[in-house]
């Protein structure tokens, strides 16, 4: 009985796979070309922001990247005020001395 059930399931799966339309090579190439064209168009429209190359922000100042924040244990941290994100440079040390020692490597 179990063998018959398995045979029926396999037969149905094979029939569905054969019945599904498959893409031709030309359709695949056309789809690829369209995706590349969309990507190029998006890249041209996307605004480019210059990323910070050295630290310029102090603890508590608004930031976009970790490298903007000055200090060995300072990182750009995002908090939510209501439903709006707010990124600021914050201290990443903890109240646990053992963790701070381990973090210094």
PDB file of N, CA and C in Angstrom:
ATOM      1  N   UNK A   1       0.827  -1.192   0.000  1.00  0.00           N
ATOM      2  CA  UNK A   1       0.000   0.000   0.000  1.00  0.00           C
ATOM      3  C   UNK A   1       0.878   1.265   0.000  1.00  0.00           C
ATOM      4  N   UNK A   2       1.901   1.254   0.863  1.00  0.00           N
ATOM      5  CA  UNK A   2       2.800   2.397   0.939  1.00  0.00           C
ATOM      6  C   UNK A   2       3.578   2.544  -0.375  1.00  0.00           C
ATOM      7  N   UNK A   3       3.953   1.429  -0.968  1.00  0.00           N
ATOM      8  CA  UNK A   3       4.667   1.446  -2.233  1.00  0.00           C
ATOM      9  C   UNK A   3       3.792   2.029  -3.340  1.00  0.00           C
ATOM     10  N   UNK A   4       2.527   1.655  -3.356  1.00  0.00           N
ATOM     11  CA  UNK A   4       1.591   2.178  -4.350  1.00  0.00           C
ATOM     12  C   UNK A   4       1.418   3.694  -4.179  1.00  0.00           C
ATOM     13  N   UNK A   5       1.310   4.131  -2.934  1.00  0.00           N
ATOM     14  CA  UNK A   5       1.170   5.561  -2.641  1.00  0.00           C
ATOM     15  C   UNK A   5       2.405   6.327  -3.129  1.00  0.00           C
ATOM     16  N   UNK A   6       3.585   5.805  -2.857  1.00  0.00           N
ATOM     17  CA  UNK A   6       4.826   6.444  -3.300  1.00  0.00           C
ATOM     18  C   UNK A   6       4.890   6.505  -4.821  1.00  0.00           C
ATOM     19  N   UNK A   7       4.487   5.434  -5.482  1.00  0.00           N
ATOM     20  CA  UNK A   7       4.493   5.389  -6.939  1.00  0.00           C
ATOM     21  C   UNK A   7       3.560   6.447  -7.525  1.00  0.00           C
ATOM     22  N   UNK A   8       2.382   6.600  -6.939  1.00  0.00           N
ATOM     23  CA  UNK A   8       1.413   7.589  -7.422  1.00  0.00           C
ATOM     24  C   UNK A   8       1.969   9.002  -7.236  1.00  0.00           C
ATOM     25  N   UNK A   9       2.570   9.272  -6.083  1.00  0.00           N
ATOM     26  CA  UNK A   9       3.130  10.597  -5.816  1.00  0.00           C
ATOM     27  C   UNK A   9       4.253  10.909  -6.802  1.00  0.00           C
ATOM     28  N   UNK A  10       5.141   9.962  -7.025  1.00  0.00           N
ATOM     29  CA  UNK A  10       6.250  10.165  -7.957  1.00  0.00           C
ATOM     30  C   UNK A  10       5.725  10.380  -9.373  1.00  0.00           C
ATOM     31  N   UNK A  11       4.736   9.625  -9.776  1.00  0.00           N
ATOM     32  CA  UNK A  11       4.156   9.759 -11.112  1.00  0.00           C
ATOM     33  C   UNK A  11       3.536  11.141 -11.299  1.00  0.00           C
ATOM     34  N   UNK A  12       2.815  11.608 -10.293  1.00  0.00           N
ATOM     35  CA  UNK A  12       2.196  12.933 -10.377  1.00  0.00           C
ATOM     36  C   UNK A  12       3.274  14.014 -10.463  1.00  0.00           C
ATOM     37  N   UNK A  13       4.326  13.904  -9.661  1.00  0.00           N
ATOM     38  CA  UNK A  13       5.406  14.887  -9.692  1.00  0.00           C
ATOM     39  C   UNK A  13       6.105  14.921 -11.047  1.00  0.00           C
ATOM     40  N   UNK A  14       6.342  13.762 -11.629  1.00  0.00           N
ATOM     41  CA  UNK A  14       6.975  13.696 -12.948  1.00  0.00           C
ATOM     42  C   UNK A  14       6.057  14.318 -13.999  1.00  0.00           C
ATOM     43  N   UNK A  15       4.763  14.039 -13.925  1.00  0.00           N
ATOM     44  CA  UNK A  15       3.816  14.598 -14.892  1.00  0.00           C
ATOM     45  C   UNK A  15       3.764  16.120 -14.789  1.00  0.00           C
ATOM     46  N   UNK A  16       3.786  16.641 -13.577  1.00  0.00           N
ATOM     47  CA  UNK A  16       3.765  18.094 -13.381  1.00  0.00           C
ATOM     48  C   UNK A  16       5.049  18.714 -13.919  1.00  0.00           C
ATOM     49  N   UNK A  17       6.187  18.083 -13.650  1.00  0.00           N
ATOM     50  CA  UNK A  17       7.468  18.618 -14.115  1.00  0.00           C
ATOM     51  C   UNK A  17       7.536  18.644 -15.638  1.00  0.00           C
ATOM     52  N   UNK A  18       7.006  17.635 -16.282  1.00  0.00           N
ATOM     53  CA  UNK A  18       7.021  17.573 -17.741  1.00  0.00           C
ATOM     54  C   UNK A  18       6.042  18.591 -18.322  1.00  0.00           C
ATOM     55  N   UNK A  19       4.920  18.806 -17.653  1.00  0.00           N
ATOM     56  CA  UNK A  19       3.893  19.707 -18.169  1.00  0.00           C
ATOM     57  C   UNK A  19       4.263  21.176 -18.003  1.00  0.00           C
ATOM     58  N   UNK A  20       5.121  21.502 -17.042  1.00  0.00           N
ATOM     59  CA  UNK A  20       5.496  22.896 -16.830  1.00  0.00           C
ATOM     60  C   UNK A  20       6.284  23.417 -18.025  1.00  0.00           C
ATOM     61  N   UNK A  21       5.970  24.628 -18.447  1.00  0.00           N
ATOM     62  CA  UNK A  21       6.718  25.186 -19.575  1.00  0.00           C
ATOM     63  C   UNK A  21       8.132  25.542 -19.133  1.00  0.00           C
ATOM     64  N   UNK A  22       9.087  25.171 -19.940  1.00  0.00           N
ATOM     65  CA  UNK A  22      10.471  25.501 -19.615  1.00  0.00           C
ATOM     66  C   UNK A  22      10.913  26.660 -20.498  1.00  0.00           C
ATOM     67  N   UNK A  23      11.827  27.448 -19.988  1.00  0.00           N
ATOM     68  CA  UNK A  23      12.314  28.602 -20.741  1.00  0.00           C
ATOM     69  C   UNK A  23      13.338  28.149 -21.768  1.00  0.00           C
ATOM     70  N   UNK A  24      13.281  28.798 -22.908  1.00  0.00           N
ATOM     71  CA  UNK A  24      14.282  28.514 -23.929  1.00  0.00           C
ATOM     72  C   UNK A  24      15.542  29.308 -23.603  1.00  0.00           C
ATOM     73  N   UNK A  25      16.610  28.981 -24.293  1.00  0.00           N
ATOM     74  CA  UNK A  25      17.877  29.673 -24.070  1.00  0.00           C
ATOM     75  C   UNK A  25      17.736  31.158 -24.391  1.00  0.00           C
ATOM     76  N   UNK A  26      16.978  31.473 -25.435  1.00  0.00           N
ATOM     77  CA  UNK A  26      16.781  32.866 -25.822  1.00  0.00           C
ATOM     78  C   UNK A  26      16.027  33.635 -24.740  1.00  0.00           C
ATOM     79  N   UNK A  27      15.023  33.000 -24.125  1.00  0.00           N
ATOM     80  CA  UNK A  27      14.266  33.656 -23.054  1.00  0.00           C
ATOM     81  C   UNK A  27      15.151  33.919 -21.839  1.00  0.00           C
ATOM     82  N   UNK A  28      16.015  32.975 -21.522  1.00  0.00           N
ATOM     83  CA  UNK A  28      16.924  33.138 -20.384  1.00  0.00           C
ATOM     84  C   UNK A  28      17.902  34.276 -20.649  1.00  0.00           C
ATOM     85  N   UNK A  29      18.454  34.330 -21.872  1.00  0.00           N
ATOM     86  CA  UNK A  29      19.394  35.400 -22.230  1.00  0.00           C
ATOM     87  C   UNK A  29      18.687  36.754 -22.204  1.00  0.00           C
ATOM     88  N   UNK A  30      17.469  36.821 -22.718  1.00  0.00           N
ATOM     89  CA  UNK A  30      16.719  38.081 -22.725  1.00  0.00           C
ATOM     90  C   UNK A  30      16.425  38.543 -21.297  1.00  0.00           C
ATOM     91  N   UNK A  31      16.073  37.608 -20.433  1.00  0.00           N
ATOM     92  CA  UNK A  31      15.807  37.949 -19.032  1.00  0.00           C
ATOM     93  C   UNK A  31      17.078  38.447 -18.346  1.00  0.00           C
ATOM     94  N   UNK A  32      18.196  37.800 -18.625  1.00  0.00           N
ATOM     95  CA  UNK A  32      19.476  38.227 -18.053  1.00  0.00           C
ATOM     96  C   UNK A  32      19.829  39.638 -18.513  1.00  0.00           C
ATOM     97  N   UNK A  33      19.663  39.885 -19.814  1.00  0.00           N
ATOM     98  CA  UNK A  33      19.975  41.208 -20.356  1.00  0.00           C
ATOM     99  C   UNK A  33      19.091  42.284 -19.732  1.00  0.00           C
ATOM    100  N   UNK A  34      17.827  41.958 -19.504  1.00  0.00           N
ATOM    101  CA  UNK A  34      16.913  42.915 -18.885  1.00  0.00           C
ATOM    102  C   UNK A  34      17.335  43.212 -17.448  1.00  0.00           C
ATOM    103  N   UNK A  35      17.751  42.190 -16.714  1.00  0.00           N
ATOM    104  CA  UNK A  35      18.209  42.391 -15.338  1.00  0.00           C
ATOM    105  C   UNK A  35      19.467  43.252 -15.294  1.00  0.00           C
ATOM    106  N   UNK A  36      20.393  43.012 -16.220  1.00  0.00           N
ATOM    107  CA  UNK A  36      21.615  43.820 -16.282  1.00  0.00           C
ATOM    108  C   UNK A  36      21.267  45.267 -16.612  1.00  0.00           C
ATOM    109  N   UNK A  37      20.364  45.465 -17.551  1.00  0.00           N
ATOM    110  CA  UNK A  37      19.950  46.820 -17.920  1.00  0.00           C
ATOM    111  C   UNK A  37      19.293  47.535 -16.735  1.00  0.00           C
ATOM    112  N   UNK A  38      18.446  46.818 -15.994  1.00  0.00           N
ATOM    113  CA  UNK A  38      17.809  47.401 -14.809  1.00  0.00           C
ATOM    114  C   UNK A  38      18.842  47.775 -13.758  1.00  0.00           C
ATOM    115  N   UNK A  39      19.840  46.917 -13.578  1.00  0.00           N
ATOM    116  CA  UNK A  39      20.889  47.185 -12.593  1.00  0.00           C
ATOM    117  C   UNK A  39      21.705  48.414 -12.980  1.00  0.00           C
ATOM    118  N   UNK A  40      22.053  48.535 -14.251  1.00  0.00           N
ATOM    119  CA  UNK A  40      22.812  49.696 -14.726  1.00  0.00           C
ATOM    120  C   UNK A  40      21.986  50.966 -14.532  1.00  0.00           C
ATOM    121  N   UNK A  41      20.708  50.900 -14.852  1.00  0.00           N
ATOM    122  CA  UNK A  41      19.840  52.062 -14.691  1.00  0.00           C
ATOM    123  C   UNK A  41      19.729  52.442 -13.213  1.00  0.00           C
ATOM    124  N   UNK A  42      19.584  51.472 -12.334  1.00  0.00           N
ATOM    125  CA  UNK A  42      19.499  51.741 -10.898  1.00  0.00           C
ATOM    126  C   UNK A  42      20.796  52.363 -10.400  1.00  0.00           C
ATOM    127  N   UNK A  43      21.924  51.847 -10.872  1.00  0.00           N
ATOM    128  CA  UNK A  43      23.221  52.348 -10.434  1.00  0.00           C
ATOM    129  C   UNK A  43      23.407  53.803 -10.859  1.00  0.00           C
ATOM    130  N   UNK A  44      22.915  54.157 -12.028  1.00  0.00           N
ATOM    131  CA  UNK A  44      23.030  55.534 -12.503  1.00  0.00           C
ATOM    132  C   UNK A  44      22.147  56.477 -11.694  1.00  0.00           C
ATOM    133  N   UNK A  45      20.990  55.984 -11.241  1.00  0.00           N
ATOM    134  CA  UNK A  45      20.046  56.825 -10.514  1.00  0.00           C
ATOM    135  C   UNK A  45      20.349  56.901  -9.022  1.00  0.00           C
ATOM    136  N   UNK A  46      21.029  55.898  -8.490  1.00  0.00           N
ATOM    137  CA  UNK A  46      21.278  55.849  -7.048  1.00  0.00           C
ATOM    138  C   UNK A  46      22.257  56.951  -6.645  1.00  0.00           C
ATOM    139  N   UNK A  47      21.915  57.688  -5.594  1.00  0.00           N
ATOM    140  CA  UNK A  47      22.847  58.734  -5.149  1.00  0.00           C
ATOM    141  C   UNK A  47      24.074  58.113  -4.488  1.00  0.00           C
ATOM    142  N   UNK A  48      25.228  58.657  -4.803  1.00  0.00           N
ATOM    143  CA  UNK A  48      26.468  58.165  -4.218  1.00  0.00           C
ATOM    144  C   UNK A  48      26.821  59.023  -3.016  1.00  0.00           C
ATOM    145  N   UNK A  49      27.022  58.371  -1.867  1.00  0.00           N
ATOM    146  CA  UNK A  49      27.438  59.085  -0.669  1.00  0.00           C
ATOM    147  C   UNK A  49      28.880  58.732  -0.377  1.00  0.00           C
ATOM    148  N   UNK A  50      29.673  59.740  -0.115  1.00  0.00           N
ATOM    149  CA  UNK A  50      31.076  59.500   0.208  1.00  0.00           C
ATOM    150  C   UNK A  50      31.157  58.978   1.626  1.00  0.00           C
ATOM    151  N   UNK A  51      31.835  57.875   1.790  1.00  0.00           N
ATOM    152  CA  UNK A  51      32.000  57.259   3.099  1.00  0.00           C
ATOM    153  C   UNK A  51      33.190  57.897   3.812  1.00  0.00           C
ATOM    154  N   UNK A  52      33.043  58.066   5.116  1.00  0.00           N
ATOM    155  CA  UNK A  52      34.110  58.676   5.906  1.00  0.00           C
ATOM    156  C   UNK A  52      35.354  57.805   5.875  1.00  0.00           C
ATOM    157  N   UNK A  53      36.511  58.448   5.797  1.00  0.00           N
ATOM    158  CA  UNK A  53      37.772  57.715   5.762  1.00  0.00           C
ATOM    159  C   UNK A  53      38.530  57.806   7.073  1.00  0.00           C
ATOM    160  N   UNK A  54      38.134  58.726   7.946  1.00  0.00           N
ATOM    161  CA  UNK A  54      38.777  58.837   9.252  1.00  0.00           C
ATOM    162  C   UNK A  54      37.748  59.346  10.251  1.00  0.00           C
ATOM    163  N   UNK A  55      38.064  59.218  11.532  1.00  0.00           N
ATOM    164  CA  UNK A  55      37.098  59.616  12.549  1.00  0.00           C
ATOM    165  C   UNK A  55      36.962  61.133  12.589  1.00  0.00           C
ATOM    166  N   UNK A  56      35.726  61.576  12.766  1.00  0.00           N
ATOM    167  CA  UNK A  56      35.467  63.010  12.842  1.00  0.00           C
ATOM    168  C   UNK A  56      34.377  63.332  13.858  1.00  0.00           C
ATOM    169  N   UNK A  57      33.743  62.301  14.421  1.00  0.00           N
ATOM    170  CA  UNK A  57      32.630  62.504  15.351  1.00  0.00           C
ATOM    171  C   UNK A  57      33.039  62.087  16.756  1.00  0.00           C
ATOM    172  N   UNK A  58      32.548  62.816  17.727  1.00  0.00           N
ATOM    173  CA  UNK A  58      32.822  62.503  19.128  1.00  0.00           C
ATOM    174  C   UNK A  58      31.637  61.755  19.721  1.00  0.00           C
ATOM    175  N   UNK A  59      31.829  61.199  20.898  1.00  0.00           N
ATOM    176  CA  UNK A  59      30.799  60.447  21.604  1.00  0.00           C
ATOM    177  C   UNK A  59      29.502  61.258  21.682  1.00  0.00           C
ATOM    178  N   UNK A  60      28.405  60.668  21.231  1.00  0.00           N
ATOM    179  CA  UNK A  60      27.102  61.322  21.289  1.00  0.00           C
ATOM    180  C   UNK A  60      26.695  62.050  20.024  1.00  0.00           C
ATOM    181  N   UNK A  61      27.625  62.287  19.110  1.00  0.00           N
ATOM    182  CA  UNK A  61      27.295  62.988  17.865  1.00  0.00           C
ATOM    183  C   UNK A  61      26.638  62.036  16.872  1.00  0.00           C
ATOM    184  N   UNK A  62      25.838  62.597  15.973  1.00  0.00           N
ATOM    185  CA  UNK A  62      25.157  61.804  14.960  1.00  0.00           C
ATOM    186  C   UNK A  62      26.165  61.270  13.947  1.00  0.00           C
ATOM    187  N   UNK A  63      25.972  60.023  13.502  1.00  0.00           N
ATOM    188  CA  UNK A  63      26.923  59.376  12.591  1.00  0.00           C
ATOM    189  C   UNK A  63      26.195  58.489  11.592  1.00  0.00           C
ATOM    190  N   UNK A  64      26.928  58.037  10.584  1.00  0.00           N
ATOM    191  CA  UNK A  64      26.415  57.082   9.599  1.00  0.00           C
ATOM    192  C   UNK A  64      27.221  55.790   9.589  1.00  0.00           C
ATOM    193  N   UNK A  65      28.517  55.867   9.894  1.00  0.00           N
ATOM    194  CA  UNK A  65      29.401  54.708   9.831  1.00  0.00           C
ATOM    195  C   UNK A  65      30.227  54.604  11.108  1.00  0.00           C
ATOM    196  N   UNK A  66      30.679  53.378  11.430  1.00  0.00           N
ATOM    197  CA  UNK A  66      31.523  53.159  12.609  1.00  0.00           C
ATOM    198  C   UNK A  66      32.818  53.958  12.518  1.00  0.00           C
ATOM    199  N   UNK A  67      33.400  54.046  11.322  1.00  0.00           N
ATOM    200  CA  UNK A  67      34.705  54.691  11.182  1.00  0.00           C
ATOM    201  C   UNK A  67      34.646  56.198  11.407  1.00  0.00           C
ATOM    202  N   UNK A  68      33.453  56.776  11.445  1.00  0.00           N
ATOM    203  CA  UNK A  68      33.334  58.203  11.732  1.00  0.00           C
ATOM    204  C   UNK A  68      33.571  58.505  13.211  1.00  0.00           C
ATOM    205  N   UNK A  69      33.304  57.531  14.068  1.00  0.00           N
ATOM    206  CA  UNK A  69      33.360  57.739  15.515  1.00  0.00           C
ATOM    207  C   UNK A  69      34.786  57.565  16.025  1.00  0.00           C
ATOM    208  N   UNK A  70      35.281  58.553  16.783  1.00  0.00           N
ATOM    209  CA  UNK A  70      36.644  58.528  17.313  1.00  0.00           C
ATOM    210  C   UNK A  70      36.681  57.798  18.648  1.00  0.00           C
ATOM    211  N   UNK A  71      37.644  56.893  18.799  1.00  0.00           N
ATOM    212  CA  UNK A  71      37.832  56.175  20.050  1.00  0.00           C
ATOM    213  C   UNK A  71      37.881  54.683  19.822  1.00  0.00           C
ATOM    214  N   UNK A  72      38.670  53.998  20.649  1.00  0.00           N
ATOM    215  CA  UNK A  72      38.855  52.554  20.478  1.00  0.00           C
ATOM    216  C   UNK A  72      37.587  51.775  20.789  1.00  0.00           C
ATOM    217  N   UNK A  73      36.769  52.257  21.716  1.00  0.00           N
ATOM    218  CA  UNK A  73      35.567  51.517  22.109  1.00  0.00           C
ATOM    219  C   UNK A  73      34.299  52.239  21.685  1.00  0.00           C
ATOM    220  N   UNK A  74      34.385  53.094  20.697  1.00  0.00           N
ATOM    221  CA  UNK A  74      33.229  53.870  20.243  1.00  0.00           C
ATOM    222  C   UNK A  74      32.790  53.349  18.879  1.00  0.00           C
ATOM    223  N   UNK A  75      31.473  53.202  18.711  1.00  0.00           N
ATOM    224  CA  UNK A  75      30.922  52.726  17.445  1.00  0.00           C
ATOM    225  C   UNK A  75      29.642  53.488  17.140  1.00  0.00           C
ATOM    226  N   UNK A  76      29.247  53.494  15.888  1.00  0.00           N
ATOM    227  CA  UNK A  76      28.007  54.141  15.469  1.00  0.00           C
ATOM    228  C   UNK A  76      26.859  53.195  15.810  1.00  0.00           C
ATOM    229  N   UNK A  77      26.001  53.625  16.715  1.00  0.00           N
ATOM    230  CA  UNK A  77      24.934  52.786  17.241  1.00  0.00           C
ATOM    231  C   UNK A  77      23.594  53.378  16.819  1.00  0.00           C
ATOM    232  N   UNK A  78      22.658  52.553  16.384  1.00  0.00           N
ATOM    233  CA  UNK A  78      21.346  53.036  15.967  1.00  0.00           C
ATOM    234  C   UNK A  78      20.322  52.736  17.044  1.00  0.00           C
ATOM    235  N   UNK A  79      19.594  53.755  17.453  1.00  0.00           N
ATOM    236  CA  UNK A  79      18.479  53.606  18.388  1.00  0.00           C
ATOM    237  C   UNK A  79      17.240  54.148  17.692  1.00  0.00           C
ATOM    238  N   UNK A  80      16.085  53.690  18.111  1.00  0.00           N
ATOM    239  CA  UNK A  80      14.837  54.135  17.509  1.00  0.00           C
ATOM    240  C   UNK A  80      14.101  55.056  18.467  1.00  0.00           C
ATOM    241  N   UNK A  81      13.782  56.245  17.997  1.00  0.00           N
ATOM    242  CA  UNK A  81      12.983  57.192  18.755  1.00  0.00           C
ATOM    243  C   UNK A  81      11.619  57.181  18.084  1.00  0.00           C
ATOM    244  N   UNK A  82      10.653  56.538  18.746  1.00  0.00           N
ATOM    245  CA  UNK A  82       9.376  56.274  18.093  1.00  0.00           C
ATOM    246  C   UNK A  82       9.622  55.216  17.039  1.00  0.00           C
ATOM    247  N   UNK A  83       9.378  55.547  15.786  1.00  0.00           N
ATOM    248  CA  UNK A  83       9.669  54.601  14.705  1.00  0.00           C
ATOM    249  C   UNK A  83      10.757  55.129  13.776  1.00  0.00           C
ATOM    250  N   UNK A  84      11.437  56.203  14.197  1.00  0.00           N
ATOM    251  CA  UNK A  84      12.518  56.769  13.381  1.00  0.00           C
ATOM    252  C   UNK A  84      13.880  56.343  13.921  1.00  0.00           C
ATOM    253  N   UNK A  85      14.771  55.861  13.053  1.00  0.00           N
ATOM    254  CA  UNK A  85      16.116  55.487  13.512  1.00  0.00           C
ATOM    255  C   UNK A  85      16.979  56.730  13.734  1.00  0.00           C
ATOM    256  N   UNK A  86      17.794  56.682  14.765  1.00  0.00           N
ATOM    257  CA  UNK A  86      18.726  57.763  15.078  1.00  0.00           C
ATOM    258  C   UNK A  86      20.072  57.124  15.372  1.00  0.00           C
ATOM    259  N   UNK A  87      21.084  57.449  14.581  1.00  0.00           N
ATOM    260  CA  UNK A  87      22.417  56.866  14.755  1.00  0.00           C
ATOM    261  C   UNK A  87      23.317  57.871  15.451  1.00  0.00           C
ATOM    262  N   UNK A  88      24.044  57.404  16.450  1.00  0.00           N
ATOM    263  CA  UNK A  88      24.950  58.267  17.194  1.00  0.00           C
ATOM    264  C   UNK A  88      26.160  57.465  17.633  1.00  0.00           C
ATOM    265  N   UNK A  89      27.263  58.151  17.889  1.00  0.00           N
ATOM    266  CA  UNK A  89      28.472  57.501  18.383  1.00  0.00           C
ATOM    267  C   UNK A  89      28.259  57.159  19.854  1.00  0.00           C
ATOM    268  N   UNK A  90      28.435  55.893  20.197  1.00  0.00           N
ATOM    269  CA  UNK A  90      28.229  55.482  21.586  1.00  0.00           C
ATOM    270  C   UNK A  90      29.360  54.575  22.039  1.00  0.00           C
ATOM    271  N   UNK A  91      29.562  54.536  23.344  1.00  0.00           N
ATOM    272  CA  UNK A  91      30.628  53.749  23.961  1.00  0.00           C
ATOM    273  C   UNK A  91      30.205  52.285  24.013  1.00  0.00           C
ATOM    274  N   UNK A  92      31.062  51.401  23.579  1.00  0.00           N
ATOM    275  CA  UNK A  92      30.740  49.977  23.544  1.00  0.00           C
ATOM    276  C   UNK A  92      31.347  49.195  24.701  1.00  0.00           C
ATOM    277  N   UNK A  93      31.814  49.873  25.750  1.00  0.00           N
ATOM    278  CA  UNK A  93      32.303  49.144  26.923  1.00  0.00           C
ATOM    279  C   UNK A  93      31.111  48.755  27.777  1.00  0.00           C
ATOM    280  N   UNK A  94      31.276  47.723  28.580  1.00  0.00           N
ATOM    281  CA  UNK A  94      30.186  47.260  29.433  1.00  0.00           C
ATOM    282  C   UNK A  94      30.514  47.539  30.893  1.00  0.00           C
ATOM    283  N   UNK A  95      29.563  47.229  31.760  1.00  0.00           N
ATOM    284  CA  UNK A  95      29.766  47.377  33.201  1.00  0.00           C
ATOM    285  C   UNK A  95      30.591  46.221  33.759  1.00  0.00           C
ATOM    286  N   UNK A  96      30.829  45.208  32.950  1.00  0.00           N
ATOM    287  CA  UNK A  96      31.542  44.012  33.389  1.00  0.00           C
ATOM    288  C   UNK A  96      33.022  44.156  33.024  1.00  0.00           C
ATOM    289  N   UNK A  97      33.878  44.262  34.033  1.00  0.00           N
ATOM    290  CA  UNK A  97      35.308  44.442  33.807  1.00  0.00           C
ATOM    291  C   UNK A  97      35.944  43.297  33.047  1.00  0.00           C
ATOM    292  N   UNK A  98      35.480  42.048  33.317  1.00  0.00           N
ATOM    293  CA  UNK A  98      36.048  40.885  32.631  1.00  0.00           C
ATOM    294  C   UNK A  98      35.773  40.960  31.128  1.00  0.00           C
ATOM    295  N   UNK A  99      34.564  41.374  30.753  1.00  0.00           N
ATOM    296  CA  UNK A  99      34.234  41.495  29.331  1.00  0.00           C
ATOM    297  C   UNK A  99      35.057  42.596  28.676  1.00  0.00           C
ATOM    298  N   UNK A 100      35.242  43.697  29.373  1.00  0.00           N
ATOM    299  CA  UNK A 100      36.047  44.791  28.820  1.00  0.00           C
ATOM    300  C   UNK A 100      37.490  44.358  28.610  1.00  0.00           C
ATOM    301  N   UNK A 101      38.045  43.591  29.564  1.00  0.00           N
ATOM    302  CA  UNK A 101      39.419  43.102  29.437  1.00  0.00           C
ATOM    303  C   UNK A 101      39.529  42.140  28.259  1.00  0.00           C
ATOM    304  N   UNK A 102      38.555  41.231  28.133  1.00  0.00           N
ATOM    305  CA  UNK A 102      38.567  40.267  27.028  1.00  0.00           C
ATOM    306  C   UNK A 102      38.406  40.990  25.696  1.00  0.00           C
ATOM    307  N   UNK A 103      37.616  42.053  25.661  1.00  0.00           N
ATOM    308  CA  UNK A 103      37.386  42.793  24.426  1.00  0.00           C
ATOM    309  C   UNK A 103      38.598  43.558  23.948  1.00  0.00           C
ATOM    310  N   UNK A 104      39.508  43.877  24.850  1.00  0.00           N
ATOM    311  CA  UNK A 104      40.709  44.611  24.455  1.00  0.00           C
ATOM    312  C   UNK A 104      41.712  43.709  23.758  1.00  0.00           C
ATOM    313  N   UNK A 105      41.492  42.379  23.883  1.00  0.00           N
ATOM    314  CA  UNK A 105      42.297  41.411  23.165  1.00  0.00           C
ATOM    315  C   UNK A 105      43.660  41.280  23.693  1.00  0.00           C
TER     316      UNK A 105
END
